[in-house]
Protein backbone atom coordinates (compact mmCIF):
# COMPACT_ATOMS: atom_id res chain seq x y z
CA MET A 1 -256.55 -11.86 128.74
CA LEU A 2 -254.05 -14.52 127.77
CA ASN A 3 -251.06 -15.34 129.94
CA LEU A 4 -248.84 -17.30 127.60
CA ILE A 5 -246.03 -19.53 128.84
CA GLY A 6 -243.00 -20.99 127.15
CA THR A 7 -240.08 -20.60 124.78
CA TYR A 8 -239.89 -22.94 121.81
CA GLU A 9 -237.55 -23.59 118.93
CA CYS A 10 -238.91 -24.30 115.48
CA LYS A 11 -237.95 -23.97 111.83
CA ALA A 12 -239.20 -21.69 109.07
CA ASP A 13 -239.68 -23.30 105.68
CA ALA A 14 -238.61 -21.78 102.35
CA LYS A 15 -241.92 -19.89 102.11
CA GLY A 16 -241.51 -18.30 105.55
CA ARG A 17 -244.02 -20.50 107.35
CA LEU A 18 -243.42 -21.73 110.87
CA MET A 19 -245.10 -24.65 112.50
CA VAL A 20 -246.41 -23.30 115.79
CA PRO A 21 -245.43 -25.74 118.56
CA SER A 22 -248.43 -27.74 119.80
CA ALA A 23 -248.04 -26.58 123.44
CA LEU A 24 -248.25 -22.96 122.28
CA LYS A 25 -251.05 -23.68 119.85
CA LYS A 26 -253.14 -25.07 122.74
CA GLN A 27 -252.60 -21.86 124.69
CA LEU A 28 -253.57 -19.76 121.66
CA ALA A 29 -256.70 -21.82 120.94
CA PRO A 30 -259.11 -19.26 122.47
CA ALA A 31 -257.71 -16.59 120.11
CA MET A 32 -257.53 -18.65 116.90
CA ALA A 33 -260.93 -17.68 115.51
CA GLN A 34 -260.20 -13.94 115.71
CA GLY A 35 -256.75 -14.17 114.17
CA PHE A 36 -253.56 -12.31 114.99
CA VAL A 37 -251.55 -9.20 114.18
CA ILE A 38 -247.84 -9.45 113.50
CA LYS A 39 -245.50 -6.47 113.66
CA ARG A 40 -241.94 -5.31 114.18
CA ALA A 41 -240.85 -5.05 117.81
CA VAL A 42 -239.97 -1.58 119.06
CA PHE A 43 -236.82 -2.34 121.04
CA GLN A 44 -235.45 -5.58 119.60
CA PRO A 45 -234.83 -7.12 116.15
CA CYS A 46 -237.75 -9.51 116.47
CA LEU A 47 -241.43 -9.73 115.61
CA GLU A 48 -244.41 -9.56 117.92
CA LEU A 49 -247.53 -11.66 117.42
CA TYR A 50 -250.63 -10.21 119.07
CA PRO A 51 -253.87 -12.12 119.49
CA MET A 52 -256.51 -9.84 117.96
CA GLU A 53 -258.12 -9.13 121.35
CA GLU A 54 -254.77 -7.92 122.73
CA TRP A 55 -254.14 -5.84 119.61
CA ASN A 56 -257.57 -4.22 119.86
CA ARG A 57 -256.94 -3.42 123.54
CA LEU A 58 -253.65 -1.72 122.58
CA MET A 59 -255.29 0.16 119.70
CA ARG A 60 -258.00 1.53 122.02
CA LYS A 61 -255.21 2.95 124.17
CA MET A 62 -253.34 4.39 121.18
CA ASN A 63 -256.54 5.83 119.75
CA LYS A 64 -256.66 8.18 122.75
CA LEU A 65 -253.47 9.90 121.56
CA ASN A 66 -253.94 13.43 120.26
CA ARG A 67 -253.31 13.29 116.52
CA PHE A 68 -252.63 17.02 116.42
CA ASN A 69 -249.41 16.34 118.31
CA ARG A 70 -246.60 15.61 115.83
CA LYS A 71 -244.81 13.18 118.17
CA ASN A 72 -247.98 11.15 118.60
CA VAL A 73 -248.53 10.94 114.84
CA ASP A 74 -244.89 9.96 114.25
CA PHE A 75 -245.14 7.31 116.97
CA ILE A 76 -248.35 5.84 115.54
CA ARG A 77 -246.84 5.71 112.03
CA ARG A 78 -243.66 4.01 113.18
CA PHE A 79 -245.41 1.66 115.60
CA THR A 80 -247.80 0.42 112.94
CA ALA A 81 -245.25 0.26 110.08
CA GLY A 82 -245.43 -3.14 108.44
CA VAL A 83 -248.33 -4.38 110.58
CA LYS A 84 -250.19 -7.33 109.04
CA THR A 85 -253.06 -9.57 110.04
CA VAL A 86 -252.26 -13.28 109.98
CA GLU A 87 -253.92 -16.59 110.82
CA LEU A 88 -252.69 -20.09 111.46
CA ASP A 89 -253.47 -22.37 108.54
CA ALA A 90 -255.28 -25.72 108.90
CA THR A 91 -252.02 -27.48 109.78
CA GLY A 92 -251.03 -24.93 112.46
CA ARG A 93 -248.48 -22.99 110.42
CA LEU A 94 -247.99 -19.25 110.66
CA ASN A 95 -247.00 -17.50 107.44
CA VAL A 96 -244.53 -14.75 108.34
CA PRO A 97 -244.66 -11.98 105.71
CA GLN A 98 -241.34 -11.62 103.87
CA ASP A 99 -240.77 -7.96 104.77
CA LEU A 100 -241.18 -8.73 108.47
CA ALA A 101 -239.03 -11.86 108.27
CA SER A 102 -236.31 -9.73 106.67
CA PHE A 103 -236.58 -7.12 109.43
CA ALA A 104 -236.06 -9.80 112.10
CA GLY A 105 -233.44 -11.73 110.14
CA ILE A 106 -235.57 -14.86 110.23
CA THR A 107 -234.39 -17.50 107.81
CA LYS A 108 -234.54 -21.04 109.18
CA GLU A 109 -233.90 -21.50 112.92
CA VAL A 110 -236.56 -19.65 114.92
CA VAL A 111 -237.42 -19.10 118.58
CA VAL A 112 -240.97 -18.26 119.59
CA SER A 113 -241.17 -16.96 123.13
CA SER A 114 -244.07 -15.88 125.27
CA ALA A 115 -244.03 -12.31 126.54
CA ILE A 116 -247.04 -12.43 128.87
CA ASN A 117 -249.91 -11.76 126.43
CA ILE A 118 -248.03 -11.74 123.10
CA ILE A 119 -245.49 -13.94 121.33
CA GLU A 120 -242.05 -12.78 120.25
CA ILE A 121 -240.66 -14.39 117.09
CA TRP A 122 -236.87 -14.35 116.79
CA ASP A 123 -234.08 -15.59 114.62
CA LYS A 124 -232.49 -18.15 116.97
CA ASP A 125 -229.00 -16.61 116.93
CA LYS A 126 -230.37 -13.11 117.62
CA TYR A 127 -232.50 -14.45 120.47
CA GLU A 128 -229.53 -16.17 122.09
CA GLN A 129 -227.46 -13.00 121.70
CA ALA A 130 -230.20 -10.84 123.27
CA ILE A 131 -230.47 -13.21 126.23
CA ASP A 132 -226.68 -13.28 126.65
CA ASP A 133 -226.42 -9.49 126.39
CA ALA A 134 -229.10 -8.99 129.04
CA ALA A 135 -227.74 -11.61 131.47
CA ASN A 136 -225.22 -9.30 133.13
CA ASP A 137 -227.74 -6.55 133.78
CA PHE A 138 -230.75 -8.70 134.64
CA ALA A 139 -230.38 -8.59 138.42
CA ASP A 140 -230.18 -4.78 138.37
CA LEU A 141 -233.09 -4.60 135.94
CA ALA A 142 -235.22 -6.94 138.07
CA GLU A 143 -234.56 -4.84 141.15
CA GLU A 144 -235.38 -1.61 139.33
CA VAL A 145 -238.55 -2.89 137.66
CA MET A 146 -239.97 -5.16 140.36
CA GLY A 147 -238.21 -3.97 143.53
CA ASP A 148 -240.75 -1.30 144.42
CA VAL A 149 -243.83 -3.45 143.94
CA ASP A 150 -246.03 -2.93 147.01
CA GLU A 151 -247.67 -6.33 146.90
CA VAL A 152 -245.17 -9.14 147.44
CA ASP A 153 -246.36 -12.60 146.43
CA GLY A 154 -243.22 -14.47 147.33
CA ILE A 155 -241.79 -14.12 143.82
CA SER A 156 -238.05 -14.67 143.80
C-alpha cells in the first residue's frame, strides 16, 4: 500500500496534460507499470487518481454490495461515472480527460496533493478555497475524527 506525501503545483498544457512533479513520480514508481484510474471526487470539485492496486482494493469492497438494493446500484453508478484508466507517458505527463478536467474546473494552474494512498488533482484556485474554507473548522474536525483513537503515537 502506498503512503504518498506532498502537495505540488504544476501546469496543464492546452491538451490537458500535466507534468507530474518528479518527487511524486518517484513515489508512484512502484505503481507505474499497472497504470492508474482517474475519477471525480465524491465530496469536492476535484479529481482523484488511484494507483491500480488501490482501485482494485476499493472495487473488491464495492463488489460486496448487494446489487438488488437500489441505493447500492445508484451509488455504484454515480461513484463510477466518468471513470477512466490513464498512464503517465514517457515524459512523465498525465493526460487528464477533457470531461473530467471540465468537472474539476482544471484549465492551467493545478495542484496535485497526496491523500494517503491516492492523489487529488485540483484547479489551484479551488484548492486554495477548499483549504481556506476548512481552516476554521479543522481543529473541531481533527478532534472529532482523531480524538477517540485508542492508540496514541504522539501525533499532535
